[in-house]
C-alpha cells in the first residue's frame, strides 16, 4: 500500500470512518479505492483534492506526509474546538455508550439530519 493510502486510512481511523464513507462522500465507488490501493497508485489531483477535503487535511499531507497546516486547517481546528466546547457534555455521555448504542445513535443522528 502506498504512503498516500496509508495516510488516508490513518485519517479515516482518526475520524472513526471507513473507506465506504470516503467513497460515498467523494462520489466514487469503493472498488476504485481498492483498485488504487492494490496498484499502489496515487490518485489524480482532482480525486486527491476530494479525498483531502473530506478528511480535513491538505493534499500535500496525503501525498508527502508533510504536516504543514494551511490556514484552512487552522480555521477547521478552531471550529472543531468551538464545537467541542459547545457539545462537551454530550460527548462525555457518548463516551460511556456501548459500541452497539454508539452505532444506533450515529445512525439516528445521520438519519435525523437528512
PDB file of N, CA and C in Angstrom:
ATOM      1  N   UNK A   1       0.857  -1.180   0.000  1.00  0.00           N
ATOM      2  CA  UNK A   1       0.000   0.000   0.000  1.00  0.00           C
ATOM      3  C   UNK A   1       0.897   1.235   0.000  1.00  0.00           C
ATOM      4  N   UNK A   2       0.546   2.204  -0.827  1.00  0.00           N
ATOM      5  CA  UNK A   2       1.340   3.424  -0.911  1.00  0.00           C
ATOM      6  C   UNK A   2       1.175   4.260   0.350  1.00  0.00           C
ATOM      7  N   UNK A   3       2.142   5.160   0.577  1.00  0.00           N
ATOM      8  CA  UNK A   3       2.072   6.047   1.736  1.00  0.00           C
ATOM      9  C   UNK A   3       0.816   6.916   1.685  1.00  0.00           C
ATOM     10  N   UNK A   4       0.402   7.310   0.484  1.00  0.00           N
ATOM     11  CA  UNK A   4      -0.808   8.110   0.330  1.00  0.00           C
ATOM     12  C   UNK A   4      -1.989   7.384   0.976  1.00  0.00           C
ATOM     13  N   UNK A   5      -2.190   6.134   0.608  1.00  0.00           N
ATOM     14  CA  UNK A   5      -3.334   5.378   1.101  1.00  0.00           C
ATOM     15  C   UNK A   5      -3.178   5.030   2.575  1.00  0.00           C
ATOM     16  N   UNK A   6      -1.950   4.851   3.047  1.00  0.00           N
ATOM     17  CA  UNK A   6      -1.735   4.637   4.488  1.00  0.00           C
ATOM     18  C   UNK A   6      -2.198   5.866   5.266  1.00  0.00           C
ATOM     19  N   UNK A   7      -1.835   7.053   4.761  1.00  0.00           N
ATOM     20  CA  UNK A   7      -2.261   8.279   5.441  1.00  0.00           C
ATOM     21  C   UNK A   7      -3.784   8.455   5.359  1.00  0.00           C
ATOM     22  N   UNK A   8      -4.378   8.092   4.228  1.00  0.00           N
ATOM     23  CA  UNK A   8      -5.841   8.143   4.107  1.00  0.00           C
ATOM     24  C   UNK A   8      -6.469   7.238   5.166  1.00  0.00           C
ATOM     25  N   UNK A   9      -5.978   6.012   5.274  1.00  0.00           N
ATOM     26  CA  UNK A   9      -6.524   5.080   6.266  1.00  0.00           C
ATOM     27  C   UNK A   9      -6.327   5.598   7.688  1.00  0.00           C
ATOM     28  N   UNK A  10      -5.184   6.210   7.965  1.00  0.00           N
ATOM     29  CA  UNK A  10      -4.936   6.777   9.296  1.00  0.00           C
ATOM     30  C   UNK A  10      -5.931   7.885   9.615  1.00  0.00           C
ATOM     31  N   UNK A  11      -6.197   8.734   8.625  1.00  0.00           N
ATOM     32  CA  UNK A  11      -7.145   9.831   8.840  1.00  0.00           C
ATOM     33  C   UNK A  11      -8.571   9.298   9.007  1.00  0.00           C
ATOM     34  N   UNK A  12      -8.927   8.290   8.219  1.00  0.00           N
ATOM     35  CA  UNK A  12     -10.246   7.675   8.372  1.00  0.00           C
ATOM     36  C   UNK A  12     -10.385   7.075   9.767  1.00  0.00           C
ATOM     37  N   UNK A  13      -9.339   6.399  10.215  1.00  0.00           N
ATOM     38  CA  UNK A  13      -9.364   5.812  11.550  1.00  0.00           C
ATOM     39  C   UNK A  13      -9.516   6.894  12.612  1.00  0.00           C
ATOM     40  N   UNK A  14      -8.792   7.979  12.455  1.00  0.00           N
ATOM     41  CA  UNK A  14      -8.879   9.101  13.398  1.00  0.00           C
ATOM     42  C   UNK A  14     -10.306   9.651  13.457  1.00  0.00           C
ATOM     43  N   UNK A  15     -10.951   9.727  12.305  1.00  0.00           N
ATOM     44  CA  UNK A  15     -12.314  10.249  12.228  1.00  0.00           C
ATOM     45  C   UNK A  15     -13.369   9.204  12.613  1.00  0.00           C
ATOM     46  N   UNK A  16     -12.935   7.963  12.776  1.00  0.00           N
ATOM     47  CA  UNK A  16     -13.896   6.903  13.077  1.00  0.00           C
ATOM     48  C   UNK A  16     -14.734   6.531  11.868  1.00  0.00           C
ATOM     49  N   UNK A  17     -14.175   6.696  10.689  1.00  0.00           N
ATOM     50  CA  UNK A  17     -14.893   6.405   9.440  1.00  0.00           C
ATOM     51  C   UNK A  17     -14.187   5.285   8.697  1.00  0.00           C
ATOM     52  N   UNK A  18     -14.798   4.835   7.611  1.00  0.00           N
ATOM     53  CA  UNK A  18     -14.199   3.769   6.813  1.00  0.00           C
ATOM     54  C   UNK A  18     -14.132   4.178   5.344  1.00  0.00           C
ATOM     55  N   UNK A  19     -13.581   3.290   4.542  1.00  0.00           N
ATOM     56  CA  UNK A  19     -13.421   3.587   3.112  1.00  0.00           C
ATOM     57  C   UNK A  19     -14.758   3.751   2.407  1.00  0.00           C
ATOM     58  N   UNK A  20     -15.770   3.028   2.841  1.00  0.00           N
ATOM     59  CA  UNK A  20     -17.097   3.166   2.226  1.00  0.00           C
ATOM     60  C   UNK A  20     -17.623   4.586   2.439  1.00  0.00           C
ATOM     61  N   UNK A  21     -17.411   5.130   3.622  1.00  0.00           N
ATOM     62  CA  UNK A  21     -17.799   6.517   3.920  1.00  0.00           C
ATOM     63  C   UNK A  21     -17.069   7.478   2.969  1.00  0.00           C
ATOM     64  N   UNK A  22     -15.761   7.264   2.823  1.00  0.00           N
ATOM     65  CA  UNK A  22     -14.963   8.122   1.944  1.00  0.00           C
ATOM     66  C   UNK A  22     -15.469   8.054   0.513  1.00  0.00           C
ATOM     67  N   UNK A  23     -15.726   6.851   0.025  1.00  0.00           N
ATOM     68  CA  UNK A  23     -16.216   6.688  -1.349  1.00  0.00           C
ATOM     69  C   UNK A  23     -17.542   7.409  -1.536  1.00  0.00           C
ATOM     70  N   UNK A  24     -18.432   7.261  -0.554  1.00  0.00           N
ATOM     71  CA  UNK A  24     -19.745   7.911  -0.643  1.00  0.00           C
ATOM     72  C   UNK A  24     -19.600   9.433  -0.653  1.00  0.00           C
ATOM     73  N   UNK A  25     -18.768   9.965   0.226  1.00  0.00           N
ATOM     74  CA  UNK A  25     -18.597  11.420   0.319  1.00  0.00           C
ATOM     75  C   UNK A  25     -17.896  11.996  -0.914  1.00  0.00           C
ATOM     76  N   UNK A  26     -17.005  11.209  -1.512  1.00  0.00           N
ATOM     77  CA  UNK A  26     -16.269  11.685  -2.692  1.00  0.00           C
ATOM     78  C   UNK A  26     -16.986  11.355  -3.989  1.00  0.00           C
ATOM     79  N   UNK A  27     -18.087  10.631  -3.898  1.00  0.00           N
ATOM     80  CA  UNK A  27     -18.883  10.262  -5.055  1.00  0.00           C
ATOM     81  C   UNK A  27     -18.114   9.390  -6.048  1.00  0.00           C
ATOM     82  N   UNK A  28     -17.432   8.379  -5.513  1.00  0.00           N
ATOM     83  CA  UNK A  28     -16.856   7.358  -6.373  1.00  0.00           C
ATOM     84  C   UNK A  28     -16.985   6.010  -5.682  1.00  0.00           C
ATOM     85  N   UNK A  29     -16.723   4.936  -6.416  1.00  0.00           N
ATOM     86  CA  UNK A  29     -17.004   3.603  -5.893  1.00  0.00           C
ATOM     87  C   UNK A  29     -15.900   3.118  -4.960  1.00  0.00           C
ATOM     88  N   UNK A  30     -16.304   2.288  -4.032  1.00  0.00           N
ATOM     89  CA  UNK A  30     -15.364   1.660  -3.118  1.00  0.00           C
ATOM     90  C   UNK A  30     -14.379   0.793  -3.896  1.00  0.00           C
ATOM     91  N   UNK A  31     -14.845   0.197  -4.986  1.00  0.00           N
ATOM     92  CA  UNK A  31     -13.975  -0.632  -5.820  1.00  0.00           C
ATOM     93  C   UNK A  31     -12.816   0.183  -6.390  1.00  0.00           C
ATOM     94  N   UNK A  32     -13.074   1.455  -6.730  1.00  0.00           N
ATOM     95  CA  UNK A  32     -12.000   2.299  -7.248  1.00  0.00           C
ATOM     96  C   UNK A  32     -10.931   2.556  -6.200  1.00  0.00           C
ATOM     97  N   UNK A  33     -11.354   2.709  -4.948  1.00  0.00           N
ATOM     98  CA  UNK A  33     -10.381   2.889  -3.875  1.00  0.00           C
ATOM     99  C   UNK A  33      -9.533   1.625  -3.755  1.00  0.00           C
ATOM    100  N   UNK A  34     -10.202   0.479  -3.736  1.00  0.00           N
ATOM    101  CA  UNK A  34      -9.482  -0.791  -3.643  1.00  0.00           C
ATOM    102  C   UNK A  34      -8.508  -0.993  -4.794  1.00  0.00           C
ATOM    103  N   UNK A  35      -8.924  -0.590  -5.977  1.00  0.00           N
ATOM    104  CA  UNK A  35      -8.050  -0.723  -7.147  1.00  0.00           C
ATOM    105  C   UNK A  35      -6.817   0.169  -6.995  1.00  0.00           C
ATOM    106  N   UNK A  36      -7.019   1.413  -6.543  1.00  0.00           N
ATOM    107  CA  UNK A  36      -5.895   2.325  -6.339  1.00  0.00           C
ATOM    108  C   UNK A  36      -4.929   1.797  -5.295  1.00  0.00           C
ATOM    109  N   UNK A  37      -5.467   1.221  -4.229  1.00  0.00           N
ATOM    110  CA  UNK A  37      -4.618   0.659  -3.174  1.00  0.00           C
ATOM    111  C   UNK A  37      -3.841  -0.537  -3.704  1.00  0.00           C
ATOM    112  N   UNK A  38      -4.546  -1.427  -4.422  1.00  0.00           N
ATOM    113  CA  UNK A  38      -3.906  -2.632  -4.957  1.00  0.00           C
ATOM    114  C   UNK A  38      -2.776  -2.272  -5.922  1.00  0.00           C
ATOM    115  N   UNK A  39      -3.011  -1.257  -6.743  1.00  0.00           N
ATOM    116  CA  UNK A  39      -1.993  -0.840  -7.713  1.00  0.00           C
ATOM    117  C   UNK A  39      -0.885  -0.007  -7.061  1.00  0.00           C
ATOM    118  N   UNK A  40      -1.139   0.466  -5.836  1.00  0.00           N
ATOM    119  CA  UNK A  40      -0.151   1.303  -5.154  1.00  0.00           C
ATOM    120  C   UNK A  40      -0.026   2.666  -5.789  1.00  0.00           C
ATOM    121  N   UNK A  41      -1.097   3.127  -6.421  1.00  0.00           N
ATOM    122  CA  UNK A  41      -1.025   4.390  -7.150  1.00  0.00           C
ATOM    123  C   UNK A  41      -1.608   5.532  -6.340  1.00  0.00           C
ATOM    124  N   UNK A  42      -1.097   6.714  -6.620  1.00  0.00           N
ATOM    125  CA  UNK A  42      -1.653   7.933  -6.056  1.00  0.00           C
ATOM    126  C   UNK A  42      -2.736   8.400  -7.017  1.00  0.00           C
ATOM    127  N   UNK A  43      -3.895   8.807  -6.497  1.00  0.00           N
ATOM    128  CA  UNK A  43      -4.981   9.209  -7.388  1.00  0.00           C
ATOM    129  C   UNK A  43      -4.675  10.508  -8.127  1.00  0.00           C
ATOM    130  N   UNK A  44      -5.523  10.814  -9.088  1.00  0.00           N
ATOM    131  CA  UNK A  44      -5.378  12.065  -9.834  1.00  0.00           C
ATOM    132  C   UNK A  44      -5.492  13.240  -8.870  1.00  0.00           C
ATOM    133  N   UNK A  45      -5.056  14.389  -9.317  1.00  0.00           N
ATOM    134  CA  UNK A  45      -5.107  15.595  -8.482  1.00  0.00           C
ATOM    135  C   UNK A  45      -6.529  15.903  -8.043  1.00  0.00           C
ATOM    136  N   UNK A  46      -7.488  15.805  -8.965  1.00  0.00           N
ATOM    137  CA  UNK A  46      -8.890  16.081  -8.629  1.00  0.00           C
ATOM    138  C   UNK A  46      -9.399  15.154  -7.534  1.00  0.00           C
ATOM    139  N   UNK A  47      -9.081  13.874  -7.669  1.00  0.00           N
ATOM    140  CA  UNK A  47      -9.525  12.896  -6.681  1.00  0.00           C
ATOM    141  C   UNK A  47      -8.833  13.127  -5.343  1.00  0.00           C
ATOM    142  N   UNK A  48      -7.551  13.420  -5.381  1.00  0.00           N
ATOM    143  CA  UNK A  48      -6.804  13.688  -4.148  1.00  0.00           C
ATOM    144  C   UNK A  48      -7.368  14.905  -3.426  1.00  0.00           C
ATOM    145  N   UNK A  49      -7.781  15.919  -4.170  1.00  0.00           N
ATOM    146  CA  UNK A  49      -8.384  17.117  -3.572  1.00  0.00           C
ATOM    147  C   UNK A  49      -9.700  16.748  -2.883  1.00  0.00           C
ATOM    148  N   UNK A  50     -10.521  15.933  -3.536  1.00  0.00           N
ATOM    149  CA  UNK A  50     -11.788  15.498  -2.928  1.00  0.00           C
ATOM    150  C   UNK A  50     -11.532  14.735  -1.637  1.00  0.00           C
ATOM    151  N   UNK A  51     -10.585  13.803  -1.687  1.00  0.00           N
ATOM    152  CA  UNK A  51     -10.273  12.985  -0.513  1.00  0.00           C
ATOM    153  C   UNK A  51      -9.772  13.865   0.625  1.00  0.00           C
ATOM    154  N   UNK A  52      -8.836  14.760   0.317  1.00  0.00           N
ATOM    155  CA  UNK A  52      -8.287  15.648   1.346  1.00  0.00           C
ATOM    156  C   UNK A  52      -9.369  16.512   1.967  1.00  0.00           C
ATOM    157  N   UNK A  53     -10.281  16.994   1.146  1.00  0.00           N
ATOM    158  CA  UNK A  53     -11.365  17.833   1.636  1.00  0.00           C
ATOM    159  C   UNK A  53     -12.260  17.068   2.610  1.00  0.00           C
ATOM    160  N   UNK A  54     -12.615  15.846   2.261  1.00  0.00           N
ATOM    161  CA  UNK A  54     -13.461  15.022   3.134  1.00  0.00           C
ATOM    162  C   UNK A  54     -12.741  14.728   4.446  1.00  0.00           C
ATOM    163  N   UNK A  55     -11.440  14.493   4.373  1.00  0.00           N
ATOM    164  CA  UNK A  55     -10.673  14.142   5.572  1.00  0.00           C
ATOM    165  C   UNK A  55     -10.256  15.366   6.391  1.00  0.00           C
ATOM    166  N   UNK A  56     -10.371  16.550   5.798  1.00  0.00           N
ATOM    167  CA  UNK A  56      -9.985  17.763   6.515  1.00  0.00           C
ATOM    168  C   UNK A  56      -8.491  17.950   6.631  1.00  0.00           C
ATOM    169  N   UNK A  57      -7.764  17.458   5.640  1.00  0.00           N
ATOM    170  CA  UNK A  57      -6.307  17.613   5.602  1.00  0.00           C
ATOM    171  C   UNK A  57      -5.913  18.190   4.245  1.00  0.00           C
ATOM    172  N   UNK A  58      -4.645  18.488   4.088  1.00  0.00           N
ATOM    173  CA  UNK A  58      -4.173  19.013   2.809  1.00  0.00           C
ATOM    174  C   UNK A  58      -3.770  17.868   1.884  1.00  0.00           C
ATOM    175  N   UNK A  59      -3.817  18.135   0.589  1.00  0.00           N
ATOM    176  CA  UNK A  59      -3.327  17.165  -0.395  1.00  0.00           C
ATOM    177  C   UNK A  59      -1.839  16.945  -0.158  1.00  0.00           C
ATOM    178  N   UNK A  60      -1.131  18.018   0.157  1.00  0.00           N
ATOM    179  CA  UNK A  60       0.305  17.910   0.425  1.00  0.00           C
ATOM    180  C   UNK A  60       0.580  16.886   1.516  1.00  0.00           C
ATOM    181  N   UNK A  61      -0.216  16.939   2.579  1.00  0.00           N
ATOM    182  CA  UNK A  61      -0.024  15.972   3.660  1.00  0.00           C
ATOM    183  C   UNK A  61      -0.260  14.547   3.163  1.00  0.00           C
ATOM    184  N   UNK A  62      -1.328  14.321   2.410  1.00  0.00           N
ATOM    185  CA  UNK A  62      -1.622  12.970   1.939  1.00  0.00           C
ATOM    186  C   UNK A  62      -0.537  12.458   0.994  1.00  0.00           C
ATOM    187  N   UNK A  63      -0.007  13.330   0.170  1.00  0.00           N
ATOM    188  CA  UNK A  63       0.994  12.912  -0.822  1.00  0.00           C
ATOM    189  C   UNK A  63       2.381  12.780  -0.207  1.00  0.00           C
ATOM    190  N   UNK A  64       2.780  13.761   0.615  1.00  0.00           N
ATOM    191  CA  UNK A  64       4.165  13.804   1.106  1.00  0.00           C
ATOM    192  C   UNK A  64       4.319  13.464   2.584  1.00  0.00           C
ATOM    193  N   UNK A  65       3.232  13.571   3.338  1.00  0.00           N
ATOM    194  CA  UNK A  65       3.337  13.370   4.776  1.00  0.00           C
ATOM    195  C   UNK A  65       3.720  14.624   5.524  1.00  0.00           C
ATOM    196  N   UNK A  66       3.968  15.697   4.780  1.00  0.00           N
ATOM    197  CA  UNK A  66       4.316  16.974   5.406  1.00  0.00           C
ATOM    198  C   UNK A  66       3.109  17.486   6.167  1.00  0.00           C
ATOM    199  N   UNK A  67       3.327  17.856   7.401  1.00  0.00           N
ATOM    200  CA  UNK A  67       2.218  18.270   8.256  1.00  0.00           C
ATOM    201  C   UNK A  67       2.185  19.783   8.409  1.00  0.00           C
ATOM    202  N   UNK A  68       2.428  20.495   7.325  1.00  0.00           N
ATOM    203  CA  UNK A  68       2.374  21.940   7.358  1.00  0.00           C
ATOM    204  C   UNK A  68       0.916  22.364   7.297  1.00  0.00           C
ATOM    205  N   UNK A  69       0.382  22.917   8.401  1.00  0.00           N
ATOM    206  CA  UNK A  69      -1.039  23.275   8.373  1.00  0.00           C
ATOM    207  C   UNK A  69      -1.307  24.481   7.487  1.00  0.00           C
ATOM    208  N   UNK A  70      -2.395  24.405   6.770  1.00  0.00           N
ATOM    209  CA  UNK A  70      -2.816  25.541   5.963  1.00  0.00           C
ATOM    210  C   UNK A  70      -3.736  26.409   6.807  1.00  0.00           C
ATOM    211  N   UNK A  71      -4.036  27.601   6.340  1.00  0.00           N
ATOM    212  CA  UNK A  71      -4.973  28.454   7.056  1.00  0.00           C
ATOM    213  C   UNK A  71      -6.333  27.787   7.174  1.00  0.00           C
ATOM    214  N   UNK A  72      -6.713  27.045   6.132  1.00  0.00           N
ATOM    215  CA  UNK A  72      -7.992  26.333   6.162  1.00  0.00           C
ATOM    216  C   UNK A  72      -8.000  25.342   7.316  1.00  0.00           C
ATOM    217  N   UNK A  73      -6.894  24.610   7.483  1.00  0.00           N
ATOM    218  CA  UNK A  73      -6.835  23.634   8.563  1.00  0.00           C
ATOM    219  C   UNK A  73      -6.860  24.318   9.923  1.00  0.00           C
ATOM    220  N   UNK A  74      -6.208  25.462  10.045  1.00  0.00           N
ATOM    221  CA  UNK A  74      -6.240  26.202  11.303  1.00  0.00           C
ATOM    222  C   UNK A  74      -7.665  26.642  11.607  1.00  0.00           C
ATOM    223  N   UNK A  75      -8.361  27.106  10.589  1.00  0.00           N
ATOM    224  CA  UNK A  75      -9.765  27.502  10.768  1.00  0.00           C
ATOM    225  C   UNK A  75     -10.621  26.303  11.156  1.00  0.00           C
ATOM    226  N   UNK A  76     -10.360  25.160  10.522  1.00  0.00           N
ATOM    227  CA  UNK A  76     -11.114  23.950  10.840  1.00  0.00           C
ATOM    228  C   UNK A  76     -10.846  23.514  12.279  1.00  0.00           C
ATOM    229  N   UNK A  77      -9.591  23.589  12.707  1.00  0.00           N
ATOM    230  CA  UNK A  77      -9.258  23.212  14.080  1.00  0.00           C
ATOM    231  C   UNK A  77      -9.941  24.132  15.077  1.00  0.00           C
ATOM    232  N   UNK A  78      -9.962  25.418  14.789  1.00  0.00           N
ATOM    233  CA  UNK A  78     -10.620  26.373  15.673  1.00  0.00           C
ATOM    234  C   UNK A  78     -12.113  26.078  15.751  1.00  0.00           C
ATOM    235  N   UNK A  79     -12.717  25.747  14.614  1.00  0.00           N
ATOM    236  CA  UNK A  79     -14.143  25.416  14.591  1.00  0.00           C
ATOM    237  C   UNK A  79     -14.414  24.114  15.350  1.00  0.00           C
ATOM    238  N   UNK A  80     -13.533  23.131  15.189  1.00  0.00           N
ATOM    239  CA  UNK A  80     -13.709  21.873  15.914  1.00  0.00           C
ATOM    240  C   UNK A  80     -13.591  22.094  17.421  1.00  0.00           C
ATOM    241  N   UNK A  81     -12.670  22.938  17.841  1.00  0.00           N
ATOM    242  CA  UNK A  81     -12.517  23.245  19.262  1.00  0.00           C
ATOM    243  C   UNK A  81     -13.760  23.953  19.791  1.00  0.00           C
ATOM    244  N   UNK A  82     -14.303  24.884  19.015  1.00  0.00           N
ATOM    245  CA  UNK A  82     -15.508  25.593  19.416  1.00  0.00           C
ATOM    246  C   UNK A  82     -16.671  24.608  19.577  1.00  0.00           C
ATOM    247  N   UNK A  83     -16.806  23.700  18.605  1.00  0.00           N
ATOM    248  CA  UNK A  83     -17.885  22.712  18.672  1.00  0.00           C
ATOM    249  C   UNK A  83     -17.691  21.762  19.850  1.00  0.00           C
ATOM    250  N   UNK A  84     -16.452  21.382  20.108  1.00  0.00           N
ATOM    251  CA  UNK A  84     -16.205  20.506  21.250  1.00  0.00           C
ATOM    252  C   UNK A  84     -16.621  21.187  22.539  1.00  0.00           C
ATOM    253  N   UNK A  85     -16.237  22.422  22.689  1.00  0.00           N
ATOM    254  CA  UNK A  85     -16.604  23.151  23.905  1.00  0.00           C
ATOM    255  C   UNK A  85     -18.119  23.260  24.036  1.00  0.00           C
ATOM    256  N   UNK A  86     -18.779  23.522  22.921  1.00  0.00           N
ATOM    257  CA  UNK A  86     -20.233  23.673  22.935  1.00  0.00           C
ATOM    258  C   UNK A  86     -20.931  22.360  23.307  1.00  0.00           C
ATOM    259  N   UNK A  87     -20.419  21.237  22.819  1.00  0.00           N
ATOM    260  CA  UNK A  87     -21.090  19.949  22.969  1.00  0.00           C
ATOM    261  C   UNK A  87     -20.337  18.976  23.883  1.00  0.00           C
ATOM    262  N   UNK A  88     -19.450  19.473  24.712  1.00  0.00           N
ATOM    263  CA  UNK A  88     -18.607  18.584  25.518  1.00  0.00           C
ATOM    264  C   UNK A  88     -19.409  17.684  26.454  1.00  0.00           C
ATOM    265  N   UNK A  89     -20.504  18.180  27.006  1.00  0.00           N
ATOM    266  CA  UNK A  89     -21.309  17.345  27.906  1.00  0.00           C
ATOM    267  C   UNK A  89     -21.914  16.162  27.157  1.00  0.00           C
ATOM    268  N   UNK A  90     -22.395  16.404  25.948  1.00  0.00           N
ATOM    269  CA  UNK A  90     -22.964  15.319  25.138  1.00  0.00           C
ATOM    270  C   UNK A  90     -21.866  14.315  24.784  1.00  0.00           C
ATOM    271  N   UNK A  91     -20.702  14.827  24.424  1.00  0.00           N
ATOM    272  CA  UNK A  91     -19.580  13.952  24.061  1.00  0.00           C
ATOM    273  C   UNK A  91     -19.198  13.074  25.243  1.00  0.00           C
ATOM    274  N   UNK A  92     -19.134  13.641  26.438  1.00  0.00           N
ATOM    275  CA  UNK A  92     -18.784  12.864  27.634  1.00  0.00           C
ATOM    276  C   UNK A  92     -19.779  11.737  27.863  1.00  0.00           C
ATOM    277  N   UNK A  93     -21.052  12.010  27.662  1.00  0.00           N
ATOM    278  CA  UNK A  93     -22.075  10.971  27.835  1.00  0.00           C
ATOM    279  C   UNK A  93     -21.930   9.891  26.767  1.00  0.00           C
ATOM    280  N   UNK A  94     -21.591  10.288  25.560  1.00  0.00           N
ATOM    281  CA  UNK A  94     -21.443   9.323  24.467  1.00  0.00           C
ATOM    282  C   UNK A  94     -20.257   8.393  24.690  1.00  0.00           C
ATOM    283  N   UNK A  95     -19.241   8.862  25.393  1.00  0.00           N
ATOM    284  CA  UNK A  95     -18.052   8.042  25.623  1.00  0.00           C
ATOM    285  C   UNK A  95     -18.361   6.816  26.471  1.00  0.00           C
ATOM    286  N   UNK A  96     -19.483   6.811  27.178  1.00  0.00           N
ATOM    287  CA  UNK A  96     -19.841   5.692  28.040  1.00  0.00           C
ATOM    288  C   UNK A  96     -20.829   4.733  27.381  1.00  0.00           C
ATOM    289  N   UNK A  97     -21.170   4.984  26.136  1.00  0.00           N
ATOM    290  CA  UNK A  97     -22.104   4.113  25.430  1.00  0.00           C
ATOM    291  C   UNK A  97     -21.406   2.840  24.978  1.00  0.00           C
ATOM    292  N   UNK A  98     -22.158   1.774  24.913  1.00  0.00           N
ATOM    293  CA  UNK A  98     -21.633   0.536  24.332  1.00  0.00           C
ATOM    294  C   UNK A  98     -21.458   0.761  22.835  1.00  0.00           C
ATOM    295  N   UNK A  99     -20.630  -0.030  22.178  1.00  0.00           N
ATOM    296  CA  UNK A  99     -20.464   0.125  20.725  1.00  0.00           C
ATOM    297  C   UNK A  99     -21.785   0.017  19.966  1.00  0.00           C
ATOM    298  N   UNK A 100     -22.662  -0.853  20.437  1.00  0.00           N
ATOM    299  CA  UNK A 100     -23.956  -1.023  19.774  1.00  0.00           C
ATOM    300  C   UNK A 100     -24.802   0.243  19.894  1.00  0.00           C
ATOM    301  N   UNK A 101     -24.857   0.805  21.100  1.00  0.00           N
ATOM    302  CA  UNK A 101     -25.639   2.015  21.317  1.00  0.00           C
ATOM    303  C   UNK A 101     -25.007   3.207  20.591  1.00  0.00           C
ATOM    304  N   UNK A 102     -23.679   3.223  20.536  1.00  0.00           N
ATOM    305  CA  UNK A 102     -22.992   4.291  19.808  1.00  0.00           C
ATOM    306  C   UNK A 102     -23.357   4.249  18.330  1.00  0.00           C
ATOM    307  N   UNK A 103     -23.396   3.038  17.768  1.00  0.00           N
ATOM    308  CA  UNK A 103     -23.760   2.881  16.359  1.00  0.00           C
ATOM    309  C   UNK A 103     -25.210   3.295  16.121  1.00  0.00           C
ATOM    310  N   UNK A 104     -26.104   2.897  17.023  1.00  0.00           N
ATOM    311  CA  UNK A 104     -27.513   3.292  16.908  1.00  0.00           C
ATOM    312  C   UNK A 104     -27.659   4.811  16.956  1.00  0.00           C
ATOM    313  N   UNK A 105     -26.945   5.434  17.876  1.00  0.00           N
ATOM    314  CA  UNK A 105     -27.007   6.891  17.996  1.00  0.00           C
ATOM    315  C   UNK A 105     -26.472   7.562  16.734  1.00  0.00           C
ATOM    316  N   UNK A 106     -25.358   7.063  16.212  1.00  0.00           N
ATOM    317  CA  UNK A 106     -24.789   7.633  14.989  1.00  0.00           C
ATOM    318  C   UNK A 106     -25.759   7.499  13.824  1.00  0.00           C
ATOM    319  N   UNK A 107     -26.404   6.347  13.698  1.00  0.00           N
ATOM    320  CA  UNK A 107     -27.400   6.145  12.628  1.00  0.00           C
ATOM    321  C   UNK A 107     -28.584   7.072  12.800  1.00  0.00           C
ATOM    322  N   UNK A 108     -29.042   7.228  14.042  1.00  0.00           N
ATOM    323  CA  UNK A 108     -30.160   8.123  14.327  1.00  0.00           C
ATOM    324  C   UNK A 108     -29.814   9.549  13.923  1.00  0.00           C
ATOM    325  N   UNK A 109     -28.650  10.000  14.339  1.00  0.00           N
ATOM    326  CA  UNK A 109     -28.236  11.381  14.026  1.00  0.00           C
ATOM    327  C   UNK A 109     -28.112  11.570  12.522  1.00  0.00           C
ATOM    328  N   UNK A 110     -27.518  10.597  11.837  1.00  0.00           N
ATOM    329  CA  UNK A 110     -27.357  10.709  10.386  1.00  0.00           C
ATOM    330  C   UNK A 110     -28.722  10.781   9.691  1.00  0.00           C
ATOM    331  N   UNK A 111     -29.653   9.942  10.108  1.00  0.00           N
ATOM    332  CA  UNK A 111     -30.994   9.953   9.516  1.00  0.00           C
ATOM    333  C   UNK A 111     -31.779  11.204   9.921  1.00  0.00           C
ATOM    334  N   UNK A 112     -31.587  11.653  11.128  1.00  0.00           N
ATOM    335  CA  UNK A 112     -32.296  12.820  11.635  1.00  0.00           C
ATOM    336  C   UNK A 112     -31.859  14.092  10.922  1.00  0.00           C
ATOM    337  N   UNK A 113     -30.562  14.168  10.583  1.00  0.00           N
ATOM    338  CA  UNK A 113     -30.050  15.393   9.967  1.00  0.00           C
ATOM    339  C   UNK A 113     -30.280  15.459   8.461  1.00  0.00           C
ATOM    340  N   UNK A 114     -30.762  14.380   7.861  1.00  0.00           N
ATOM    341  CA  UNK A 114     -31.009  14.371   6.407  1.00  0.00           C
ATOM    342  C   UNK A 114     -32.346  14.961   6.076  1.00  0.00           C
TER     343      UNK A 114
END
